[in-house]
Amino acid sequence: MKKILFALLSLGLLFGCSNEQSTNDSTNNNNASETVKKEEKAEIVTVVISKNNGEEIIKEKELEIEEGKETTLMDIMLENFEIEADDAGFISSISGVAANNEEKTYWHISVNGEDAMVGAKDIKVEPEDKFEFDLQTWE
């Protein structure tokens, strides 16, 4: 009788331990899945700041934007860089590098390789956008 009771108790312990491990593995797998899902939801944009048609890269950053929130390029620039801009949203200085009328330089903006036709405050940001600010000369 003692042997049967001992065997049943042993099986119960083994079953209980193996079931607990299975639950932990399942929980760990769920946590890993949730982490992957959160990473997939991260919305990233890239900002490149350069001179002379990209010959000299000043800064390049990948920035996370808030999912579902309407954001402008000006919002991103104000949050992540030291800038100066006019009321129309045209940026005149980034990270201490300023455009200069005497030297005929300006900050050219391109969005995903296309020239921007408006100031940064009027450019809506979408996930995966690439914004390039290049200090160029005009003639």
N, C-alpha and C. Protein backbone atom coordinates (compact mmCIF):
# COMPACT_ATOMS: atom_id res chain seq x y z
N MET A 1 0.82 -1.19 0.00
CA MET A 1 0.00 0.00 0.00
C MET A 1 0.87 1.26 0.00
N LYS A 2 1.95 1.23 0.82
CA LYS A 2 2.84 2.37 0.86
C LYS A 2 3.51 2.59 -0.49
N LYS A 3 3.84 1.49 -1.15
CA LYS A 3 4.51 1.59 -2.45
C LYS A 3 3.58 2.25 -3.48
N ILE A 4 2.31 1.88 -3.48
CA ILE A 4 1.35 2.45 -4.42
C ILE A 4 1.16 3.93 -4.11
N LEU A 5 1.02 4.27 -2.84
CA LEU A 5 0.86 5.67 -2.45
C LEU A 5 2.09 6.48 -2.84
N PHE A 6 3.28 5.92 -2.62
CA PHE A 6 4.53 6.59 -2.98
C PHE A 6 4.61 6.79 -4.50
N ALA A 7 4.22 5.77 -5.27
CA ALA A 7 4.26 5.84 -6.73
C ALA A 7 3.28 6.91 -7.22
N LEU A 8 2.08 6.95 -6.66
CA LEU A 8 1.10 7.95 -7.06
C LEU A 8 1.57 9.35 -6.70
N LEU A 9 2.14 9.51 -5.54
CA LEU A 9 2.66 10.80 -5.12
C LEU A 9 3.80 11.24 -6.03
N SER A 10 4.68 10.33 -6.37
CA SER A 10 5.80 10.64 -7.27
C SER A 10 5.29 11.06 -8.64
N LEU A 11 4.32 10.32 -9.17
CA LEU A 11 3.74 10.68 -10.47
C LEU A 11 3.07 12.04 -10.41
N GLY A 12 2.39 12.32 -9.33
CA GLY A 12 1.74 13.63 -9.15
C GLY A 12 2.76 14.75 -9.16
N LEU A 13 3.86 14.55 -8.45
CA LEU A 13 4.92 15.56 -8.43
C LEU A 13 5.53 15.74 -9.81
N LEU A 14 5.81 14.64 -10.47
CA LEU A 14 6.38 14.73 -11.82
C LEU A 14 5.42 15.42 -12.78
N PHE A 15 4.16 15.05 -12.71
CA PHE A 15 3.16 15.66 -13.59
C PHE A 15 3.01 17.15 -13.28
N GLY A 16 2.98 17.49 -12.00
CA GLY A 16 2.86 18.88 -11.58
C GLY A 16 4.05 19.70 -12.05
N CYS A 17 5.24 19.16 -11.93
CA CYS A 17 6.44 19.89 -12.35
C CYS A 17 6.47 20.05 -13.86
N SER A 18 6.13 18.99 -14.59
CA SER A 18 6.18 19.09 -16.04
C SER A 18 5.09 20.03 -16.55
N ASN A 19 3.94 20.07 -15.91
CA ASN A 19 2.87 20.97 -16.31
C ASN A 19 3.27 22.42 -16.05
N GLU A 20 3.92 22.65 -14.90
CA GLU A 20 4.35 24.01 -14.56
C GLU A 20 5.38 24.50 -15.58
N GLN A 21 6.29 23.65 -15.97
CA GLN A 21 7.30 24.03 -16.95
C GLN A 21 6.63 24.38 -18.28
N SER A 22 5.66 23.59 -18.67
CA SER A 22 4.94 23.86 -19.92
C SER A 22 4.26 25.21 -19.88
N THR A 23 3.66 25.55 -18.73
CA THR A 23 3.01 26.84 -18.58
C THR A 23 4.03 27.97 -18.69
N ASN A 24 5.18 27.81 -18.05
CA ASN A 24 6.22 28.83 -18.14
C ASN A 24 6.72 29.00 -19.55
N ASP A 25 6.93 27.89 -20.27
CA ASP A 25 7.36 27.99 -21.66
C ASP A 25 6.33 28.72 -22.49
N SER A 26 5.06 28.40 -22.26
CA SER A 26 3.99 29.06 -22.99
C SER A 26 3.98 30.56 -22.69
N THR A 27 4.14 30.92 -21.42
CA THR A 27 4.18 32.33 -21.03
C THR A 27 5.37 33.02 -21.67
N ASN A 28 6.53 32.38 -21.65
CA ASN A 28 7.72 32.96 -22.27
C ASN A 28 7.52 33.16 -23.76
N ASN A 29 6.90 32.19 -24.42
CA ASN A 29 6.64 32.32 -25.85
C ASN A 29 5.67 33.46 -26.12
N ASN A 30 4.65 33.62 -25.27
CA ASN A 30 3.70 34.71 -25.44
C ASN A 30 4.39 36.06 -25.26
N ASN A 31 5.27 36.16 -24.23
CA ASN A 31 6.00 37.41 -24.02
C ASN A 31 6.89 37.73 -25.20
N ALA A 32 7.55 36.71 -25.75
CA ALA A 32 8.41 36.94 -26.91
C ALA A 32 7.57 37.39 -28.11
N SER A 33 6.39 36.80 -28.29
CA SER A 33 5.51 37.21 -29.38
C SER A 33 5.06 38.65 -29.21
N GLU A 34 4.72 39.03 -27.98
CA GLU A 34 4.28 40.40 -27.73
C GLU A 34 5.41 41.38 -28.01
N THR A 35 6.65 41.02 -27.64
CA THR A 35 7.80 41.89 -27.91
C THR A 35 7.98 42.08 -29.40
N VAL A 36 7.89 41.01 -30.16
CA VAL A 36 8.03 41.09 -31.62
C VAL A 36 6.92 41.96 -32.19
N LYS A 37 5.69 41.78 -31.72
CA LYS A 37 4.58 42.59 -32.23
C LYS A 37 4.81 44.06 -31.93
N LYS A 38 5.30 44.39 -30.72
CA LYS A 38 5.57 45.78 -30.38
C LYS A 38 6.65 46.35 -31.28
N GLU A 39 7.70 45.56 -31.55
CA GLU A 39 8.78 46.03 -32.41
C GLU A 39 8.25 46.25 -33.82
N GLU A 40 7.37 45.40 -34.30
CA GLU A 40 6.81 45.56 -35.64
C GLU A 40 5.96 46.83 -35.73
N LYS A 41 5.37 47.26 -34.62
CA LYS A 41 4.51 48.44 -34.64
C LYS A 41 5.31 49.74 -34.57
N ALA A 42 6.59 49.67 -34.23
CA ALA A 42 7.40 50.88 -34.15
C ALA A 42 7.48 51.51 -35.54
N GLU A 43 7.20 52.80 -35.60
CA GLU A 43 7.23 53.52 -36.87
C GLU A 43 8.47 54.40 -36.87
N ILE A 44 9.31 54.19 -37.86
CA ILE A 44 10.61 54.85 -37.93
C ILE A 44 10.68 55.74 -39.16
N VAL A 45 11.32 56.90 -38.98
CA VAL A 45 11.68 57.77 -40.10
C VAL A 45 13.18 58.06 -39.98
N THR A 46 13.77 58.44 -41.09
CA THR A 46 15.19 58.75 -41.12
C THR A 46 15.38 60.21 -41.49
N VAL A 47 16.27 60.88 -40.77
CA VAL A 47 16.63 62.27 -41.08
C VAL A 47 18.13 62.30 -41.33
N VAL A 48 18.50 62.83 -42.51
CA VAL A 48 19.91 62.98 -42.86
C VAL A 48 20.18 64.47 -43.03
N ILE A 49 21.24 64.93 -42.41
CA ILE A 49 21.65 66.32 -42.53
C ILE A 49 23.04 66.32 -43.15
N SER A 50 23.17 67.04 -44.29
CA SER A 50 24.42 67.00 -45.03
C SER A 50 24.73 68.34 -45.68
N LYS A 51 25.88 68.40 -46.33
CA LYS A 51 26.31 69.58 -47.07
C LYS A 51 26.72 69.16 -48.48
N ASN A 52 26.62 70.12 -49.40
CA ASN A 52 27.12 69.95 -50.77
C ASN A 52 26.62 68.68 -51.46
N ASN A 53 25.31 68.58 -51.58
CA ASN A 53 24.67 67.43 -52.24
C ASN A 53 25.06 66.09 -51.62
N GLY A 54 25.14 66.07 -50.31
CA GLY A 54 25.41 64.83 -49.59
C GLY A 54 26.87 64.45 -49.50
N GLU A 55 27.77 65.30 -49.97
CA GLU A 55 29.19 64.97 -49.90
C GLU A 55 29.68 64.85 -48.46
N GLU A 56 29.16 65.69 -47.57
CA GLU A 56 29.56 65.67 -46.16
C GLU A 56 28.32 65.43 -45.30
N ILE A 57 28.27 64.29 -44.64
CA ILE A 57 27.15 63.97 -43.75
C ILE A 57 27.44 64.59 -42.39
N ILE A 58 26.53 65.45 -41.93
CA ILE A 58 26.67 66.08 -40.62
C ILE A 58 26.06 65.18 -39.54
N LYS A 59 24.85 64.71 -39.77
CA LYS A 59 24.16 63.80 -38.84
C LYS A 59 23.21 62.93 -39.64
N GLU A 60 22.98 61.74 -39.11
CA GLU A 60 21.96 60.86 -39.64
C GLU A 60 21.33 60.14 -38.47
N LYS A 61 20.00 60.23 -38.39
CA LYS A 61 19.29 59.62 -37.26
C LYS A 61 18.06 58.86 -37.76
N GLU A 62 17.81 57.71 -37.13
CA GLU A 62 16.54 57.02 -37.29
C GLU A 62 15.72 57.38 -36.06
N LEU A 63 14.53 57.87 -36.29
CA LEU A 63 13.69 58.36 -35.21
C LEU A 63 12.37 57.63 -35.19
N GLU A 64 11.90 57.31 -34.00
CA GLU A 64 10.61 56.65 -33.84
C GLU A 64 9.53 57.72 -33.77
N ILE A 65 8.45 57.50 -34.51
CA ILE A 65 7.32 58.40 -34.45
C ILE A 65 6.16 57.69 -33.78
N GLU A 66 5.29 58.45 -33.18
CA GLU A 66 4.16 57.90 -32.44
C GLU A 66 3.12 57.36 -33.42
N GLU A 67 2.74 56.12 -33.22
CA GLU A 67 1.79 55.45 -34.09
C GLU A 67 0.43 56.15 -34.04
N GLY A 68 -0.11 56.46 -35.21
CA GLY A 68 -1.44 57.03 -35.31
C GLY A 68 -1.52 58.52 -35.04
N LYS A 69 -0.43 59.15 -34.67
CA LYS A 69 -0.44 60.59 -34.38
C LYS A 69 0.04 61.34 -35.61
N GLU A 70 -0.72 62.37 -36.00
CA GLU A 70 -0.30 63.18 -37.14
C GLU A 70 0.90 64.02 -36.71
N THR A 71 2.00 63.86 -37.42
CA THR A 71 3.24 64.53 -37.09
C THR A 71 3.77 65.24 -38.32
N THR A 72 4.36 66.41 -38.11
CA THR A 72 4.99 67.13 -39.22
C THR A 72 6.50 67.01 -39.10
N LEU A 73 7.16 67.31 -40.19
CA LEU A 73 8.62 67.31 -40.18
C LEU A 73 9.14 68.35 -39.19
N MET A 74 8.46 69.47 -39.08
CA MET A 74 8.88 70.49 -38.11
C MET A 74 8.82 69.94 -36.68
N ASP A 75 7.77 69.17 -36.35
CA ASP A 75 7.66 68.56 -35.03
C ASP A 75 8.90 67.70 -34.74
N ILE A 76 9.26 66.87 -35.70
CA ILE A 76 10.41 65.98 -35.54
C ILE A 76 11.70 66.78 -35.36
N MET A 77 11.86 67.80 -36.19
CA MET A 77 13.09 68.59 -36.12
C MET A 77 13.20 69.33 -34.78
N LEU A 78 12.10 69.89 -34.31
CA LEU A 78 12.11 70.60 -33.03
C LEU A 78 12.43 69.67 -31.86
N GLU A 79 11.94 68.43 -31.93
CA GLU A 79 12.14 67.47 -30.85
C GLU A 79 13.54 66.87 -30.83
N ASN A 80 14.20 66.84 -31.99
CA ASN A 80 15.44 66.08 -32.08
C ASN A 80 16.69 66.86 -32.47
N PHE A 81 16.54 68.09 -32.90
CA PHE A 81 17.67 68.88 -33.35
C PHE A 81 17.54 70.32 -32.84
N GLU A 82 18.64 71.00 -32.78
CA GLU A 82 18.63 72.42 -32.48
C GLU A 82 18.45 73.13 -33.83
N ILE A 83 17.30 73.81 -34.00
CA ILE A 83 17.02 74.45 -35.28
C ILE A 83 16.56 75.89 -35.11
N GLU A 84 16.65 76.63 -36.21
CA GLU A 84 16.04 77.94 -36.33
C GLU A 84 15.21 77.90 -37.60
N ALA A 85 14.01 78.50 -37.54
CA ALA A 85 13.12 78.49 -38.69
C ALA A 85 12.28 79.75 -38.71
N ASP A 86 11.75 80.08 -39.91
CA ASP A 86 10.86 81.23 -40.00
C ASP A 86 9.42 80.78 -39.80
N ASP A 87 8.49 81.73 -39.84
CA ASP A 87 7.08 81.43 -39.61
C ASP A 87 6.48 80.51 -40.68
N ALA A 88 7.05 80.51 -41.86
CA ALA A 88 6.55 79.67 -42.95
C ALA A 88 7.03 78.22 -42.82
N GLY A 89 7.92 77.96 -41.86
CA GLY A 89 8.39 76.60 -41.66
C GLY A 89 9.64 76.27 -42.44
N PHE A 90 10.31 77.30 -42.97
CA PHE A 90 11.57 77.06 -43.68
C PHE A 90 12.71 77.15 -42.68
N ILE A 91 13.51 76.12 -42.62
CA ILE A 91 14.57 76.01 -41.63
C ILE A 91 15.81 76.73 -42.14
N SER A 92 16.41 77.56 -41.26
CA SER A 92 17.59 78.31 -41.65
C SER A 92 18.86 77.84 -40.94
N SER A 93 18.72 77.07 -39.86
CA SER A 93 19.88 76.57 -39.14
C SER A 93 19.55 75.23 -38.51
N ILE A 94 20.48 74.28 -38.62
CA ILE A 94 20.32 72.96 -38.01
C ILE A 94 21.62 72.62 -37.29
N SER A 95 21.50 72.32 -36.01
CA SER A 95 22.65 71.93 -35.19
C SER A 95 23.82 72.91 -35.33
N GLY A 96 23.50 74.19 -35.37
CA GLY A 96 24.52 75.21 -35.43
C GLY A 96 25.07 75.50 -36.82
N VAL A 97 24.60 74.78 -37.82
CA VAL A 97 25.02 75.03 -39.20
C VAL A 97 23.93 75.85 -39.87
N ALA A 98 24.27 77.10 -40.22
CA ALA A 98 23.25 78.03 -40.69
C ALA A 98 23.40 78.32 -42.18
N ALA A 99 22.25 78.51 -42.82
CA ALA A 99 22.23 79.03 -44.19
C ALA A 99 22.68 80.49 -44.13
N ASN A 100 23.21 80.99 -45.26
CA ASN A 100 23.77 82.32 -45.25
C ASN A 100 23.47 83.01 -46.58
N ASN A 101 22.76 84.16 -46.54
CA ASN A 101 22.43 84.89 -47.77
C ASN A 101 23.67 85.38 -48.49
N GLU A 102 24.68 85.85 -47.75
CA GLU A 102 25.90 86.36 -48.39
C GLU A 102 26.63 85.26 -49.13
N GLU A 103 26.62 84.05 -48.58
CA GLU A 103 27.27 82.91 -49.24
C GLU A 103 26.32 82.19 -50.18
N LYS A 104 25.09 82.69 -50.25
CA LYS A 104 24.05 82.11 -51.11
C LYS A 104 23.82 80.62 -50.80
N THR A 105 23.65 80.32 -49.51
CA THR A 105 23.37 78.94 -49.12
C THR A 105 21.98 78.85 -48.50
N TYR A 106 21.37 77.68 -48.62
CA TYR A 106 20.05 77.41 -48.05
C TYR A 106 19.95 75.92 -47.73
N TRP A 107 18.98 75.59 -46.88
CA TRP A 107 18.73 74.18 -46.55
C TRP A 107 17.71 73.63 -47.53
N HIS A 108 18.18 72.75 -48.39
CA HIS A 108 17.31 72.07 -49.36
C HIS A 108 16.73 70.84 -48.67
N ILE A 109 15.42 70.64 -48.80
CA ILE A 109 14.75 69.48 -48.18
C ILE A 109 14.27 68.55 -49.28
N SER A 110 14.57 67.26 -49.11
CA SER A 110 13.95 66.26 -49.99
C SER A 110 13.28 65.22 -49.10
N VAL A 111 12.16 64.71 -49.61
CA VAL A 111 11.38 63.71 -48.91
C VAL A 111 11.32 62.48 -49.80
N ASN A 112 11.94 61.41 -49.34
CA ASN A 112 12.00 60.16 -50.12
C ASN A 112 12.55 60.42 -51.52
N GLY A 113 13.55 61.28 -51.60
CA GLY A 113 14.22 61.55 -52.87
C GLY A 113 13.55 62.61 -53.73
N GLU A 114 12.41 63.14 -53.30
CA GLU A 114 11.68 64.17 -54.05
C GLU A 114 11.88 65.52 -53.39
N ASP A 115 12.09 66.57 -54.20
CA ASP A 115 12.25 67.91 -53.66
C ASP A 115 10.98 68.35 -52.95
N ALA A 116 11.15 68.92 -51.76
CA ALA A 116 10.00 69.46 -51.01
C ALA A 116 9.66 70.83 -51.59
N MET A 117 8.38 71.10 -51.74
CA MET A 117 7.92 72.37 -52.28
C MET A 117 7.31 73.28 -51.21
N VAL A 118 7.32 72.81 -49.96
CA VAL A 118 6.77 73.58 -48.84
C VAL A 118 7.75 73.50 -47.68
N GLY A 119 7.50 74.31 -46.65
CA GLY A 119 8.33 74.29 -45.46
C GLY A 119 8.08 73.07 -44.59
N ALA A 120 8.96 72.84 -43.65
CA ALA A 120 8.90 71.65 -42.79
C ALA A 120 7.60 71.54 -42.00
N LYS A 121 6.98 72.69 -41.66
CA LYS A 121 5.75 72.61 -40.87
C LYS A 121 4.57 72.09 -41.70
N ASP A 122 4.69 72.09 -43.02
CA ASP A 122 3.62 71.61 -43.89
C ASP A 122 3.88 70.22 -44.46
N ILE A 123 4.94 69.58 -44.05
CA ILE A 123 5.27 68.25 -44.54
C ILE A 123 4.81 67.22 -43.51
N LYS A 124 3.85 66.39 -43.90
CA LYS A 124 3.33 65.33 -43.02
C LYS A 124 4.28 64.14 -43.06
N VAL A 125 4.49 63.55 -41.91
CA VAL A 125 5.41 62.44 -41.76
C VAL A 125 4.66 61.12 -41.83
N GLU A 126 5.22 60.19 -42.60
CA GLU A 126 4.68 58.84 -42.72
C GLU A 126 5.77 57.85 -42.32
N PRO A 127 5.40 56.67 -41.80
CA PRO A 127 6.41 55.67 -41.46
C PRO A 127 7.30 55.36 -42.66
N GLU A 128 8.56 55.15 -42.39
CA GLU A 128 9.58 54.81 -43.38
C GLU A 128 10.03 55.98 -44.25
N ASP A 129 9.51 57.20 -44.00
CA ASP A 129 9.97 58.37 -44.76
C ASP A 129 11.44 58.62 -44.51
N LYS A 130 12.10 59.15 -45.53
CA LYS A 130 13.49 59.59 -45.40
C LYS A 130 13.54 61.06 -45.77
N PHE A 131 13.97 61.87 -44.82
CA PHE A 131 14.08 63.31 -45.01
C PHE A 131 15.55 63.68 -45.09
N GLU A 132 15.89 64.42 -46.13
CA GLU A 132 17.26 64.86 -46.29
C GLU A 132 17.31 66.38 -46.31
N PHE A 133 18.12 66.93 -45.41
CA PHE A 133 18.38 68.36 -45.37
C PHE A 133 19.81 68.53 -45.87
N ASP A 134 19.96 69.25 -46.95
CA ASP A 134 21.29 69.44 -47.52
C ASP A 134 21.57 70.92 -47.67
N LEU A 135 22.67 71.39 -47.08
CA LEU A 135 23.06 72.79 -47.22
C LEU A 135 23.66 72.98 -48.60
N GLN A 136 22.96 73.74 -49.44
CA GLN A 136 23.37 73.91 -50.84
C GLN A 136 23.50 75.40 -51.17
N THR A 137 24.11 75.66 -52.29
CA THR A 137 24.22 77.05 -52.77
C THR A 137 23.21 77.26 -53.90
N TRP A 138 22.81 78.50 -54.06
CA TRP A 138 21.96 78.86 -55.19
C TRP A 138 22.69 79.91 -56.01
N GLU A 139 22.26 80.06 -57.25
CA GLU A 139 22.89 81.07 -58.12
C GLU A 139 21.89 81.99 -58.71
